[in-house]
Amino acid sequence: MPLVITQNTMAVEANGTTLATATHTPDGWHVSTWPHPLTLNEAITALTIAERVATHGETDPFVIAWREELAHG
């Protein structure tokens, strides 16, 4: 599952399907699966979460832990 990164956009894809995207704006990175702007590292984490959900589901312990960490970061 590739993570495609350019200067102002990022996307995680699987089997030709885009799972989540991120776009950089002056107030941060806006990830399609996250409710508020994030830092670059947080956006990469959010994209990783989207990939993990696709492969392991919403109840995966890593998904749960990473979401908690990102929400409190």
C-alpha atoms as a PDB file:
ATOM      1  CA  MET A   1       0.000   0.000   0.000  1.00  0.00           C
ATOM      2  CA  PRO A   2       1.844   3.061  -1.180  1.00  0.00           C
ATOM      3  CA  LEU A   3       1.908   6.377   0.588  1.00  0.00           C
ATOM      4  CA  VAL A   4       2.212   9.046  -2.101  1.00  0.00           C
ATOM      5  CA  ILE A   5       3.737  12.324  -0.868  1.00  0.00           C
ATOM      6  CA  THR A   6       4.242  15.584  -2.763  1.00  0.00           C
ATOM      7  CA  GLN A   7       4.989  19.051  -1.423  1.00  0.00           C
ATOM      8  CA  ASN A   8       1.322  19.908  -0.753  1.00  0.00           C
ATOM      9  CA  THR A   9      -0.559  16.603  -0.871  1.00  0.00           C
ATOM     10  CA  MET A  10      -0.385  13.070   0.459  1.00  0.00           C
ATOM     11  CA  ALA A  11      -2.493  10.004  -0.190  1.00  0.00           C
ATOM     12  CA  VAL A  12      -2.564   6.380   0.901  1.00  0.00           C
ATOM     13  CA  GLU A  13      -3.745   3.856  -1.672  1.00  0.00           C
ATOM     14  CA  ALA A  14      -4.547   0.144  -1.749  1.00  0.00           C
ATOM     15  CA  ASN A  15      -5.344  -1.938  -4.808  1.00  0.00           C
ATOM     16  CA  GLY A  16      -5.827   1.186  -6.916  1.00  0.00           C
ATOM     17  CA  THR A  17      -8.254   2.738  -4.421  1.00  0.00           C
ATOM     18  CA  THR A  18      -7.466   5.901  -2.479  1.00  0.00           C
ATOM     19  CA  LEU A  19      -8.133   5.284   1.218  1.00  0.00           C
ATOM     20  CA  ALA A  20      -7.411   8.814   2.491  1.00  0.00           C
ATOM     21  CA  THR A  21      -5.910  12.080   1.282  1.00  0.00           C
ATOM     22  CA  ALA A  22      -4.211  15.044   2.929  1.00  0.00           C
ATOM     23  CA  THR A  23      -3.805  18.585   1.629  1.00  0.00           C
ATOM     24  CA  HIS A  24      -1.518  21.251   3.049  1.00  0.00           C
ATOM     25  CA  THR A  25      -2.989  24.701   3.707  1.00  0.00           C
ATOM     26  CA  PRO A  26      -1.702  27.668   5.733  1.00  0.00           C
ATOM     27  CA  ASP A  27      -3.417  26.317   8.875  1.00  0.00           C
ATOM     28  CA  GLY A  28      -2.011  22.772   8.578  1.00  0.00           C
ATOM     29  CA  TRP A  29      -2.686  19.452   6.906  1.00  0.00           C
ATOM     30  CA  HIS A  30      -6.325  18.541   6.258  1.00  0.00           C
ATOM     31  CA  VAL A  31      -6.793  14.764   6.160  1.00  0.00           C
ATOM     32  CA  SER A  32      -9.992  13.382   4.647  1.00  0.00           C
ATOM     33  CA  THR A  33     -10.443  10.980   7.578  1.00  0.00           C
ATOM     34  CA  TRP A  34      -9.692  13.414  10.414  1.00  0.00           C
ATOM     35  CA  PRO A  35     -11.901  16.283  11.702  1.00  0.00           C
ATOM     36  CA  HIS A  36      -9.322  19.088  12.197  1.00  0.00           C
ATOM     37  CA  PRO A  37      -5.999  20.322  10.763  1.00  0.00           C
ATOM     38  CA  LEU A  38      -2.871  18.408  11.723  1.00  0.00           C
ATOM     39  CA  THR A  39       0.893  18.827  11.650  1.00  0.00           C
ATOM     40  CA  LEU A  40       2.844  16.960   8.977  1.00  0.00           C
ATOM     41  CA  ASN A  41       3.714  14.091  11.327  1.00  0.00           C
ATOM     42  CA  GLU A  42       0.149  13.881  12.631  1.00  0.00           C
ATOM     43  CA  ALA A  43      -1.169  13.794   9.052  1.00  0.00           C
ATOM     44  CA  ILE A  44       1.142  10.885   8.227  1.00  0.00           C
ATOM     45  CA  THR A  45      -0.165   9.110  11.336  1.00  0.00           C
ATOM     46  CA  ALA A  46      -3.771   9.747  10.255  1.00  0.00           C
ATOM     47  CA  LEU A  47      -3.017   8.274   6.818  1.00  0.00           C
ATOM     48  CA  THR A  48      -1.359   5.277   8.476  1.00  0.00           C
ATOM     49  CA  ILE A  49      -4.500   4.785  10.582  1.00  0.00           C
ATOM     50  CA  ALA A  50      -6.642   4.791   7.419  1.00  0.00           C
ATOM     51  CA  GLU A  51      -4.409   2.134   5.900  1.00  0.00           C
ATOM     52  CA  ARG A  52      -4.481   0.013   9.057  1.00  0.00           C
ATOM     53  CA  VAL A  53      -8.292   0.231   9.266  1.00  0.00           C
ATOM     54  CA  ALA A  54      -8.503  -1.065   5.686  1.00  0.00           C
ATOM     55  CA  THR A  55      -6.329  -4.072   6.497  1.00  0.00           C
ATOM     56  CA  HIS A  56      -7.207  -4.829  10.139  1.00  0.00           C
ATOM     57  CA  GLY A  57     -10.529  -3.117  10.928  1.00  0.00           C
ATOM     58  CA  GLU A  58     -11.760  -0.482  13.360  1.00  0.00           C
ATOM     59  CA  THR A  59     -11.229  -2.633  16.454  1.00  0.00           C
ATOM     60  CA  ASP A  60      -7.536  -3.278  15.843  1.00  0.00           C
ATOM     61  CA  PRO A  61      -5.585  -2.365  19.018  1.00  0.00           C
ATOM     62  CA  PHE A  62      -3.092  -0.259  17.041  1.00  0.00           C
ATOM     63  CA  VAL A  63      -5.905   1.701  15.376  1.00  0.00           C
ATOM     64  CA  ILE A  64      -7.471   2.412  18.755  1.00  0.00           C
ATOM     65  CA  ALA A  65      -4.172   3.458  20.355  1.00  0.00           C
ATOM     66  CA  TRP A  66      -3.048   5.643  17.431  1.00  0.00           C
ATOM     67  CA  ARG A  67      -6.420   7.415  17.321  1.00  0.00           C
ATOM     68  CA  GLU A  68      -6.212   8.161  21.043  1.00  0.00           C
ATOM     69  CA  GLU A  69      -2.672   9.464  20.692  1.00  0.00           C
ATOM     70  CA  LEU A  70      -3.586  11.625  17.699  1.00  0.00           C
ATOM     71  CA  ALA A  71      -6.679  13.004  19.442  1.00  0.00           C
ATOM     72  CA  HIS A  72      -4.637  14.044  22.473  1.00  0.00           C
ATOM     73  CA  GLY A  73      -1.546  15.177  20.580  1.00  0.00           C
END
